Amino acid sequence: MTELLTKDTFLEKVFNYEKNKEWKFEGDLPCIIDFYADWCGPCKMVAPILEELSEEYKDKVNVYKVDTEAQQELAAAFAIRSIPSMLFCPKDEQPQMASGALPKQQLEKIIEDVLKVKK
């Protein structure tokens, strides 16, 4: 199940950018963060795919969502200019950003290649 993040939960579960200048992942599992807005059509297309992936990779990958309208500071901190944008955070490497409504097959490949997680 995907979890909606606020700035506070983001700082706690993903990256405390107020405390750290360099990227330091705070989570226990690699994660995907979906930056979206309720009015965004492509975001609505991606949402059910992310729900499926959160079930398929349960206990291996966390799937989070950030509402860019409600969490403008978070969106600005990651220079989100287009939505949907997804931040892929591996456990011990730098995160990678992808923009656009990606198909499930491509998301699975990113999970394997970037997050280093197999089904």
Protein backbone atom coordinates (compact mmCIF):
# COMPACT_ATOMS: atom_id res chain seq x y z
CA MET A 1 0.00 0.00 0.00
CA THR A 2 1.36 3.43 -0.88
CA GLU A 3 1.84 5.94 1.91
CA LEU A 4 1.27 9.68 1.65
CA LEU A 5 4.23 11.67 2.97
CA THR A 6 4.25 15.10 4.57
CA LYS A 7 7.41 17.12 4.99
CA ASP A 8 7.85 15.74 8.52
CA THR A 9 7.44 12.08 7.52
CA PHE A 10 9.69 12.66 4.48
CA LEU A 11 12.48 14.04 6.71
CA GLU A 12 12.11 11.03 8.98
CA LYS A 13 11.70 8.19 6.44
CA VAL A 14 13.60 9.35 3.36
CA PHE A 15 16.05 12.25 3.67
CA ASN A 16 16.48 14.98 6.26
CA TYR A 17 17.59 17.78 3.95
CA GLU A 18 17.39 20.30 6.81
CA LYS A 19 20.06 18.41 8.78
CA ASN A 20 22.22 16.94 5.98
CA LYS A 21 23.75 18.71 2.98
CA GLU A 22 24.82 15.43 1.38
CA TRP A 23 22.29 12.73 0.50
CA LYS A 24 21.78 10.37 3.44
CA PHE A 25 18.93 7.89 3.05
CA GLU A 26 16.98 7.47 6.30
CA GLY A 27 14.82 4.50 5.28
CA ASP A 28 15.02 0.79 6.05
CA LEU A 29 13.98 -0.28 2.54
CA PRO A 30 14.69 1.26 -0.86
CA CYS A 31 11.78 3.45 -1.94
CA ILE A 32 9.95 5.11 -4.78
CA ILE A 33 8.50 8.55 -4.18
CA ASP A 34 5.75 9.65 -6.54
CA PHE A 35 5.43 13.44 -6.74
CA TYR A 36 1.89 14.01 -8.01
CA ALA A 37 -1.17 16.29 -7.93
CA ASP A 38 -4.85 15.31 -7.74
CA TRP A 39 -5.70 17.24 -10.94
CA CYS A 40 -2.95 15.57 -13.02
CA GLY A 41 -4.24 13.04 -15.59
CA PRO A 42 -0.95 11.13 -16.10
CA CYS A 43 -0.58 10.94 -12.29
CA LYS A 44 -3.94 9.17 -12.13
CA MET A 45 -2.75 6.67 -14.75
CA VAL A 46 0.38 5.84 -12.72
CA ALA A 47 -1.36 5.56 -9.33
CA PRO A 48 -2.85 2.05 -9.80
CA ILE A 49 0.47 0.78 -11.22
CA LEU A 50 2.29 2.04 -8.12
CA GLU A 51 -0.34 0.38 -5.91
CA GLU A 52 0.30 -2.93 -7.72
CA LEU A 53 4.06 -2.55 -7.36
CA SER A 54 3.73 -1.76 -3.65
CA GLU A 55 1.91 -5.08 -3.24
CA GLU A 56 4.27 -7.06 -5.48
CA TYR A 57 7.37 -5.68 -3.75
CA LYS A 58 5.87 -5.69 -0.26
CA ASP A 59 8.61 -5.82 2.42
CA LYS A 60 11.23 -5.09 -0.27
CA VAL A 61 10.40 -1.57 -1.51
CA ASN A 62 8.39 1.23 0.08
CA VAL A 63 6.18 3.28 -2.24
CA TYR A 64 5.46 6.82 -1.09
CA LYS A 65 3.42 9.64 -2.58
CA VAL A 66 3.95 13.38 -2.18
CA ASP A 67 1.09 15.73 -3.09
CA THR A 68 2.95 18.64 -4.71
CA GLU A 69 0.04 21.00 -4.04
CA ALA A 70 -0.03 20.28 -0.29
CA GLN A 71 3.75 19.85 0.09
CA GLN A 72 5.13 22.70 -2.01
CA GLU A 73 8.32 22.97 0.03
CA LEU A 74 9.16 19.31 -0.67
CA ALA A 75 8.41 19.75 -4.37
CA ALA A 76 10.67 22.82 -4.44
CA ALA A 77 13.44 21.04 -2.52
CA PHE A 78 13.60 18.46 -5.32
CA ALA A 79 13.04 20.98 -8.13
CA ILE A 80 9.90 19.21 -9.33
CA ARG A 81 8.91 20.97 -12.54
CA SER A 82 6.68 18.38 -14.14
CA ILE A 83 4.45 15.72 -12.68
CA PRO A 84 4.36 12.86 -12.28
CA SER A 85 8.00 12.74 -11.23
CA MET A 86 9.37 9.77 -9.35
CA LEU A 87 12.39 9.67 -7.10
CA PHE A 88 14.00 6.23 -6.83
CA CYS A 89 16.02 5.90 -3.62
CA PRO A 90 18.32 2.89 -3.32
CA LYS A 91 19.56 2.03 0.14
CA ASP A 92 23.25 2.92 -0.31
CA GLU A 93 23.51 4.94 -3.52
CA GLN A 94 22.42 8.31 -4.88
CA PRO A 95 18.74 8.64 -5.76
CA GLN A 96 17.61 8.97 -9.37
CA MET A 97 14.69 10.98 -10.72
CA ALA A 98 12.41 10.01 -13.59
CA SER A 99 9.65 12.16 -15.08
CA GLY A 100 6.44 11.20 -16.82
CA ALA A 101 3.90 8.41 -16.60
CA LEU A 102 6.15 5.36 -16.93
CA PRO A 103 4.69 1.97 -17.86
CA LYS A 104 4.82 -0.84 -15.31
CA GLN A 105 7.47 -2.78 -17.23
CA GLN A 106 9.83 0.23 -17.19
CA LEU A 107 9.20 0.81 -13.47
CA GLU A 108 10.04 -2.86 -12.76
CA LYS A 109 13.30 -2.48 -14.67
CA ILE A 110 14.19 0.65 -12.65
CA ILE A 111 13.37 -1.19 -9.41
CA GLU A 112 15.78 -3.95 -10.47
CA ASP A 113 18.54 -1.72 -11.91
CA VAL A 114 18.46 1.33 -9.61
CA LEU A 115 17.00 -0.03 -6.38
CA LYS A 116 18.77 -3.41 -6.82
CA VAL A 117 15.61 -5.31 -5.83
CA LYS A 118 14.37 -8.46 -7.51
CA LYS A 119 10.81 -9.75 -7.23
